[in-house]
Amino acid sequence: MTSKDKVKNEILRCGFVPVIRVADAEVAVKVAAAICDGGAPLLEITMTVPGALDAIKKITSSLGDKVLVGAGTVLDGETARLAILAGAEFIIAPTVDLETIRLCRRYGKVVMPGALTPTEILQAWEQGADFVKVFPADALGGPAYIKAIKAPLPQIDVVPTGGVNFDTAADFIRAGAAAVGVGSGLIGKQLIAAEAFDQLAQKTREFMQVIEAARQG
């Protein structure tokens, strides 16, 4: 099994990708440690975090094999390359950028471009996406939209992001999502401001339980 296959399997097994979008790289490192303590085996650092590449390096160095780190909000191939060189094991984009997809395939990394319409989702898949991030998932009906998309496109592993929280995650999974992307629905601003990292670890554990329960029916 290749390292890419291991990453794909871990995303499918875990069922959710914690999205770290904070205002400081050092805070991102602390949030990552809390998410790891909560048992999540992977997480995403968005490139909108100031010093995101340094954060990726520090997290991969400090947490080692405990967590797979991905880079999110990647808009082009060069940014994807820099993120991979910093230690990112998977790349997530808000759009379908063919250069980014090609570069990730060249480096043997999992790539998850973002799309919304059926045409965009299919295009991303046919161009080599490992998963397709459906974003913003809440804009066209949330779980109902995912269910509608999966009917004609059952072969595509979709990962809805946007509007995913404790109340909606199970519905997204039952609608056919391979996994979900969770940002503020897990990593709230008030929690971060209070540096309540123990609470974040506990919320991470609870979120994983929500996903597992949804999969069991």
C-alpha atoms as a PDB file:
ATOM      1  CA  MET A   1       0.000   0.000   0.000  1.00  0.00           C
ATOM      2  CA  THR A   2       1.395   3.400  -0.984  1.00  0.00           C
ATOM      3  CA  SER A   3       1.470   6.392   1.349  1.00  0.00           C
ATOM      4  CA  LYS A   4      -1.216   7.958  -0.826  1.00  0.00           C
ATOM      5  CA  ASP A   5      -3.461   4.927  -0.339  1.00  0.00           C
ATOM      6  CA  LYS A   6      -2.902   5.161   3.418  1.00  0.00           C
ATOM      7  CA  VAL A   7      -4.007   8.805   3.429  1.00  0.00           C
ATOM      8  CA  LYS A   8      -7.109   8.015   1.380  1.00  0.00           C
ATOM      9  CA  ASN A   9      -7.992   5.143   3.673  1.00  0.00           C
ATOM     10  CA  GLU A  10      -7.501   7.288   6.762  1.00  0.00           C
ATOM     11  CA  ILE A  11      -9.826   9.997   5.449  1.00  0.00           C
ATOM     12  CA  LEU A  12     -12.452   7.361   4.705  1.00  0.00           C
ATOM     13  CA  ARG A  13     -11.961   5.663   8.062  1.00  0.00           C
ATOM     14  CA  CYS A  14     -12.039   8.830  10.137  1.00  0.00           C
ATOM     15  CA  GLY A  15     -14.914  10.380   8.240  1.00  0.00           C
ATOM     16  CA  PHE A  16     -14.111  13.991   8.935  1.00  0.00           C
ATOM     17  CA  VAL A  17     -11.392  16.540   8.289  1.00  0.00           C
ATOM     18  CA  PRO A  18     -10.920  19.190  11.001  1.00  0.00           C
ATOM     19  CA  VAL A  19     -10.256  22.505   9.246  1.00  0.00           C
ATOM     20  CA  ILE A  20      -7.931  24.857  11.132  1.00  0.00           C
ATOM     21  CA  ARG A  21      -8.467  28.441   9.984  1.00  0.00           C
ATOM     22  CA  VAL A  22      -7.086  30.751  12.661  1.00  0.00           C
ATOM     23  CA  ALA A  23      -5.258  34.084  12.721  1.00  0.00           C
ATOM     24  CA  ASP A  24      -1.874  32.894  13.977  1.00  0.00           C
ATOM     25  CA  ALA A  25       0.473  30.032  13.123  1.00  0.00           C
ATOM     26  CA  GLU A  26       1.368  29.356  16.753  1.00  0.00           C
ATOM     27  CA  VAL A  27      -2.309  29.048  17.621  1.00  0.00           C
ATOM     28  CA  ALA A  28      -2.717  26.666  14.685  1.00  0.00           C
ATOM     29  CA  VAL A  29      -0.020  24.428  16.157  1.00  0.00           C
ATOM     30  CA  LYS A  30      -1.778  24.376  19.542  1.00  0.00           C
ATOM     31  CA  VAL A  31      -5.138  23.639  17.921  1.00  0.00           C
ATOM     32  CA  ALA A  32      -3.577  20.809  15.938  1.00  0.00           C
ATOM     33  CA  ALA A  33      -2.151  19.284  19.108  1.00  0.00           C
ATOM     34  CA  ALA A  34      -5.576  19.419  20.777  1.00  0.00           C
ATOM     35  CA  ILE A  35      -7.267  17.796  17.787  1.00  0.00           C
ATOM     36  CA  CYS A  36      -4.623  15.080  17.815  1.00  0.00           C
ATOM     37  CA  ASP A  37      -5.170  14.571  21.561  1.00  0.00           C
ATOM     38  CA  GLY A  38      -8.850  14.134  20.757  1.00  0.00           C
ATOM     39  CA  GLY A  39      -8.012  11.177  18.554  1.00  0.00           C
ATOM     40  CA  ALA A  40      -8.399  12.652  15.075  1.00  0.00           C
ATOM     41  CA  PRO A  41      -5.740  11.139  12.790  1.00  0.00           C
ATOM     42  CA  LEU A  42      -5.706  14.008  10.299  1.00  0.00           C
ATOM     43  CA  LEU A  43      -6.325  17.739   9.976  1.00  0.00           C
ATOM     44  CA  GLU A  44      -6.158  20.591   7.500  1.00  0.00           C
ATOM     45  CA  ILE A  45      -4.256  23.863   7.844  1.00  0.00           C
ATOM     46  CA  THR A  46      -5.678  26.467   5.484  1.00  0.00           C
ATOM     47  CA  MET A  47      -3.254  28.612   3.545  1.00  0.00           C
ATOM     48  CA  THR A  48      -5.121  31.669   4.839  1.00  0.00           C
ATOM     49  CA  VAL A  49      -3.390  31.130   8.198  1.00  0.00           C
ATOM     50  CA  PRO A  50      -0.477  33.596   8.396  1.00  0.00           C
ATOM     51  CA  GLY A  51       2.674  31.494   8.298  1.00  0.00           C
ATOM     52  CA  ALA A  52       0.725  28.399   7.249  1.00  0.00           C
ATOM     53  CA  LEU A  53       3.761  26.650   5.775  1.00  0.00           C
ATOM     54  CA  ASP A  54       5.705  27.101   9.000  1.00  0.00           C
ATOM     55  CA  ALA A  55       2.726  25.769  10.927  1.00  0.00           C
ATOM     56  CA  ILE A  56       2.637  22.659   8.738  1.00  0.00           C
ATOM     57  CA  LYS A  57       6.358  22.108   9.311  1.00  0.00           C
ATOM     58  CA  LYS A  58       6.042  22.509  13.084  1.00  0.00           C
ATOM     59  CA  ILE A  59       3.014  20.211  13.336  1.00  0.00           C
ATOM     60  CA  THR A  60       4.591  17.454  11.257  1.00  0.00           C
ATOM     61  CA  SER A  61       7.769  17.778  13.307  1.00  0.00           C
ATOM     62  CA  SER A  62       6.123  17.819  16.737  1.00  0.00           C
ATOM     63  CA  LEU A  63       3.330  15.306  16.171  1.00  0.00           C
ATOM     64  CA  GLY A  64       5.140  13.002  13.766  1.00  0.00           C
ATOM     65  CA  ASP A  65       3.171   9.892  12.846  1.00  0.00           C
ATOM     66  CA  LYS A  66       0.293  10.781  15.174  1.00  0.00           C
ATOM     67  CA  VAL A  67      -1.497  12.915  12.596  1.00  0.00           C
ATOM     68  CA  LEU A  68      -1.614  13.454   8.832  1.00  0.00           C
ATOM     69  CA  VAL A  69      -1.444  17.135   7.940  1.00  0.00           C
ATOM     70  CA  GLY A  70      -3.100  18.561   4.860  1.00  0.00           C
ATOM     71  CA  ALA A  71      -3.021  22.023   3.319  1.00  0.00           C
ATOM     72  CA  GLY A  72      -6.309  23.718   2.499  1.00  0.00           C
ATOM     73  CA  THR A  73      -7.452  26.746   0.493  1.00  0.00           C
ATOM     74  CA  VAL A  74      -4.772  25.919  -2.069  1.00  0.00           C
ATOM     75  CA  LEU A  75      -5.414  27.971  -5.202  1.00  0.00           C
ATOM     76  CA  ASP A  76      -2.617  26.936  -7.554  1.00  0.00           C
ATOM     77  CA  GLY A  77       0.006  24.328  -8.276  1.00  0.00           C
ATOM     78  CA  GLU A  78       2.935  26.312  -6.894  1.00  0.00           C
ATOM     79  CA  THR A  79       1.230  26.698  -3.524  1.00  0.00           C
ATOM     80  CA  ALA A  80       0.451  22.986  -3.538  1.00  0.00           C
ATOM     81  CA  ARG A  81       4.111  22.224  -4.220  1.00  0.00           C
ATOM     82  CA  LEU A  82       5.302  24.432  -1.364  1.00  0.00           C
ATOM     83  CA  ALA A  83       2.795  22.836   0.996  1.00  0.00           C
ATOM     84  CA  ILE A  84       3.905  19.331   0.006  1.00  0.00           C
ATOM     85  CA  LEU A  85       7.543  20.274   0.530  1.00  0.00           C
ATOM     86  CA  ALA A  86       6.576  21.623   3.971  1.00  0.00           C
ATOM     87  CA  GLY A  87       5.134  18.218   4.859  1.00  0.00           C
ATOM     88  CA  ALA A  88       1.514  18.246   3.693  1.00  0.00           C
ATOM     89  CA  GLU A  89       0.219  14.757   2.868  1.00  0.00           C
ATOM     90  CA  PHE A  90      -2.940  15.936   1.137  1.00  0.00           C
ATOM     91  CA  ILE A  91      -4.103  19.070  -0.652  1.00  0.00           C
ATOM     92  CA  ILE A  92      -7.566  20.614  -0.490  1.00  0.00           C
ATOM     93  CA  ALA A  93      -8.733  23.398  -2.781  1.00  0.00           C
ATOM     94  CA  PRO A  94     -11.920  25.495  -2.903  1.00  0.00           C
ATOM     95  CA  THR A  95     -12.047  25.245  -6.701  1.00  0.00           C
ATOM     96  CA  VAL A  96     -11.206  22.902  -9.582  1.00  0.00           C
ATOM     97  CA  ASP A  97      -7.711  23.985 -10.571  1.00  0.00           C
ATOM     98  CA  LEU A  98      -6.287  21.496 -13.051  1.00  0.00           C
ATOM     99  CA  GLU A  99      -2.681  22.529 -12.402  1.00  0.00           C
ATOM    100  CA  THR A 100      -3.101  21.704  -8.716  1.00  0.00           C
ATOM    101  CA  ILE A 101      -4.608  18.311  -9.492  1.00  0.00           C
ATOM    102  CA  ARG A 102      -1.808  17.456 -11.922  1.00  0.00           C
ATOM    103  CA  LEU A 103       0.903  18.502  -9.483  1.00  0.00           C
ATOM    104  CA  CYS A 104      -0.545  16.397  -6.668  1.00  0.00           C
ATOM    105  CA  ARG A 105      -0.736  13.379  -8.945  1.00  0.00           C
ATOM    106  CA  ARG A 106       2.873  13.993  -9.970  1.00  0.00           C
ATOM    107  CA  TYR A 107       3.955  14.007  -6.309  1.00  0.00           C
ATOM    108  CA  GLY A 108       1.718  11.079  -5.393  1.00  0.00           C
ATOM    109  CA  LYS A 109      -0.377  13.090  -2.946  1.00  0.00           C
ATOM    110  CA  VAL A 110      -4.108  12.970  -2.254  1.00  0.00           C
ATOM    111  CA  VAL A 111      -5.934  15.919  -3.809  1.00  0.00           C
ATOM    112  CA  MET A 112      -9.415  17.166  -2.972  1.00  0.00           C
ATOM    113  CA  PRO A 113     -10.532  20.024  -5.234  1.00  0.00           C
ATOM    114  CA  GLY A 114     -13.671  21.967  -4.426  1.00  0.00           C
ATOM    115  CA  ALA A 115     -16.753  21.979  -6.632  1.00  0.00           C
ATOM    116  CA  LEU A 116     -20.462  22.637  -6.308  1.00  0.00           C
ATOM    117  CA  THR A 117     -22.422  21.770  -9.448  1.00  0.00           C
ATOM    118  CA  PRO A 118     -22.735  18.243 -10.884  1.00  0.00           C
ATOM    119  CA  THR A 119     -20.660  19.329 -13.906  1.00  0.00           C
ATOM    120  CA  GLU A 120     -17.853  20.683 -11.723  1.00  0.00           C
ATOM    121  CA  ILE A 121     -17.897  17.634  -9.454  1.00  0.00           C
ATOM    122  CA  LEU A 122     -17.669  15.223 -12.382  1.00  0.00           C
ATOM    123  CA  GLN A 123     -14.960  17.308 -14.052  1.00  0.00           C
ATOM    124  CA  ALA A 124     -12.846  17.250 -10.882  1.00  0.00           C
ATOM    125  CA  TRP A 125     -13.257  13.479 -10.562  1.00  0.00           C
ATOM    126  CA  GLU A 126     -12.406  12.796 -14.195  1.00  0.00           C
ATOM    127  CA  GLN A 127      -9.304  14.984 -13.945  1.00  0.00           C
ATOM    128  CA  GLY A 128      -7.945  12.797 -11.148  1.00  0.00           C
ATOM    129  CA  ALA A 129      -9.382  14.033  -7.849  1.00  0.00           C
ATOM    130  CA  ASP A 130      -9.239  11.488  -5.033  1.00  0.00           C
ATOM    131  CA  PHE A 131     -12.158  13.188  -3.298  1.00  0.00           C
ATOM    132  CA  VAL A 132     -14.294  16.151  -4.293  1.00  0.00           C
ATOM    133  CA  LYS A 133     -14.939  18.809  -1.684  1.00  0.00           C
ATOM    134  CA  VAL A 134     -18.515  20.006  -2.177  1.00  0.00           C
ATOM    135  CA  PHE A 135     -18.350  23.641  -1.114  1.00  0.00           C
ATOM    136  CA  PRO A 136     -20.256  25.505   0.151  1.00  0.00           C
ATOM    137  CA  ALA A 137     -22.368  22.464   0.999  1.00  0.00           C
ATOM    138  CA  ASP A 138     -25.054  24.411   2.846  1.00  0.00           C
ATOM    139  CA  ALA A 139     -25.694  26.820  -0.037  1.00  0.00           C
ATOM    140  CA  LEU A 140     -27.925  24.477  -2.057  1.00  0.00           C
ATOM    141  CA  GLY A 141     -29.704  22.470   0.612  1.00  0.00           C
ATOM    142  CA  GLY A 142     -27.060  20.775   2.749  1.00  0.00           C
ATOM    143  CA  PRO A 143     -27.514  16.995   3.174  1.00  0.00           C
ATOM    144  CA  ALA A 144     -30.437  16.952   0.730  1.00  0.00           C
ATOM    145  CA  TYR A 145     -28.157  18.312  -1.984  1.00  0.00           C
ATOM    146  CA  ILE A 146     -25.510  15.661  -1.263  1.00  0.00           C
ATOM    147  CA  LYS A 147     -28.135  12.945  -1.510  1.00  0.00           C
ATOM    148  CA  ALA A 148     -29.314  14.364  -4.829  1.00  0.00           C
ATOM    149  CA  ILE A 149     -25.730  14.517  -6.168  1.00  0.00           C
ATOM    150  CA  LYS A 150     -24.924  10.951  -5.123  1.00  0.00           C
ATOM    151  CA  ALA A 151     -27.908   9.521  -6.987  1.00  0.00           C
ATOM    152  CA  PRO A 152     -26.422  10.046 -10.494  1.00  0.00           C
ATOM    153  CA  LEU A 153     -22.777  10.123  -9.310  1.00  0.00           C
ATOM    154  CA  PRO A 154     -22.483   7.287  -6.770  1.00  0.00           C
ATOM    155  CA  GLN A 155     -18.878   6.549  -7.762  1.00  0.00           C
ATOM    156  CA  ILE A 156     -17.577   9.926  -6.577  1.00  0.00           C
ATOM    157  CA  ASP A 157     -16.357  10.313  -2.989  1.00  0.00           C
ATOM    158  CA  VAL A 158     -17.715  13.691  -1.952  1.00  0.00           C
ATOM    159  CA  VAL A 159     -16.673  15.591   1.176  1.00  0.00           C
ATOM    160  CA  PRO A 160     -19.159  18.364   1.978  1.00  0.00           C
ATOM    161  CA  THR A 161     -17.731  21.403   3.724  1.00  0.00           C
ATOM    162  CA  GLY A 162     -19.552  24.527   4.860  1.00  0.00           C
ATOM    163  CA  GLY A 163     -22.400  24.338   7.324  1.00  0.00           C
ATOM    164  CA  VAL A 164     -21.162  21.067   8.823  1.00  0.00           C
ATOM    165  CA  ASN A 165     -21.489  20.913  12.607  1.00  0.00           C
ATOM    166  CA  PHE A 166     -22.629  18.611  15.415  1.00  0.00           C
ATOM    167  CA  ASP A 167     -26.256  18.998  14.316  1.00  0.00           C
ATOM    168  CA  THR A 168     -25.750  18.334  10.598  1.00  0.00           C
ATOM    169  CA  ALA A 169     -22.756  15.975  10.333  1.00  0.00           C
ATOM    170  CA  ALA A 170     -24.757  12.771  10.751  1.00  0.00           C
ATOM    171  CA  ASP A 171     -27.235  13.824   8.068  1.00  0.00           C
ATOM    172  CA  PHE A 172     -24.392  14.503   5.629  1.00  0.00           C
ATOM    173  CA  ILE A 173     -22.915  11.057   6.276  1.00  0.00           C
ATOM    174  CA  ARG A 174     -26.290   9.348   5.889  1.00  0.00           C
ATOM    175  CA  ALA A 175     -26.810  11.290   2.653  1.00  0.00           C
ATOM    176  CA  GLY A 176     -23.777   9.569   1.174  1.00  0.00           C
ATOM    177  CA  ALA A 177     -20.788  11.756   2.044  1.00  0.00           C
ATOM    178  CA  ALA A 178     -17.488   9.863   2.226  1.00  0.00           C
ATOM    179  CA  ALA A 179     -16.410  12.290   4.944  1.00  0.00           C
ATOM    180  CA  VAL A 180     -17.121  15.866   6.017  1.00  0.00           C
ATOM    181  CA  GLY A 181     -14.956  18.936   6.430  1.00  0.00           C
ATOM    182  CA  VAL A 182     -15.536  20.761   9.716  1.00  0.00           C
ATOM    183  CA  GLY A 183     -14.221  24.206  10.570  1.00  0.00           C
ATOM    184  CA  SER A 184     -16.045  26.574  12.899  1.00  0.00           C
ATOM    185  CA  GLY A 185     -18.544  23.833  13.702  1.00  0.00           C
ATOM    186  CA  LEU A 186     -15.762  22.223  15.725  1.00  0.00           C
ATOM    187  CA  ILE A 187     -13.109  24.878  16.223  1.00  0.00           C
ATOM    188  CA  GLY A 188     -15.139  27.810  17.535  1.00  0.00           C
ATOM    189  CA  LYS A 189     -13.670  31.305  17.895  1.00  0.00           C
ATOM    190  CA  GLN A 190     -14.707  31.633  21.542  1.00  0.00           C
ATOM    191  CA  LEU A 191     -13.072  28.325  22.399  1.00  0.00           C
ATOM    192  CA  ILE A 192      -9.836  29.398  20.706  1.00  0.00           C
ATOM    193  CA  ALA A 193      -9.892  32.837  22.326  1.00  0.00           C
ATOM    194  CA  ALA A 194     -10.218  31.164  25.733  1.00  0.00           C
ATOM    195  CA  GLU A 195      -7.427  28.725  24.852  1.00  0.00           C
ATOM    196  CA  ALA A 196      -9.742  25.936  25.981  1.00  0.00           C
ATOM    197  CA  PHE A 197      -7.744  23.255  24.215  1.00  0.00           C
ATOM    198  CA  ASP A 198      -8.863  20.486  26.565  1.00  0.00           C
ATOM    199  CA  GLN A 199     -12.438  21.258  25.546  1.00  0.00           C
ATOM    200  CA  LEU A 200     -11.430  21.139  21.883  1.00  0.00           C
ATOM    201  CA  ALA A 201      -9.907  17.697  22.391  1.00  0.00           C
ATOM    202  CA  GLN A 202     -13.129  16.514  24.009  1.00  0.00           C
ATOM    203  CA  LYS A 203     -15.251  18.016  21.213  1.00  0.00           C
ATOM    204  CA  THR A 204     -13.066  16.195  18.703  1.00  0.00           C
ATOM    205  CA  ARG A 205     -13.743  12.889  20.451  1.00  0.00           C
ATOM    206  CA  GLU A 206     -17.463  13.627  20.486  1.00  0.00           C
ATOM    207  CA  PHE A 207     -17.467  14.545  16.797  1.00  0.00           C
ATOM    208  CA  MET A 208     -15.834  11.251  15.906  1.00  0.00           C
ATOM    209  CA  GLN A 209     -18.552   9.491  17.865  1.00  0.00           C
ATOM    210  CA  VAL A 210     -21.199  11.363  15.875  1.00  0.00           C
ATOM    211  CA  ILE A 211     -19.659  10.167  12.619  1.00  0.00           C
ATOM    212  CA  GLU A 212     -19.376   6.568  13.826  1.00  0.00           C
ATOM    213  CA  ALA A 213     -22.967   6.513  15.037  1.00  0.00           C
ATOM    214  CA  ALA A 214     -24.203   7.881  11.699  1.00  0.00           C
ATOM    215  CA  ARG A 215     -22.364   5.175   9.809  1.00  0.00           C
ATOM    216  CA  GLN A 216     -23.843   2.468  11.975  1.00  0.00           C
ATOM    217  CA  GLY A 217     -27.313   3.726  11.166  1.00  0.00           C
END
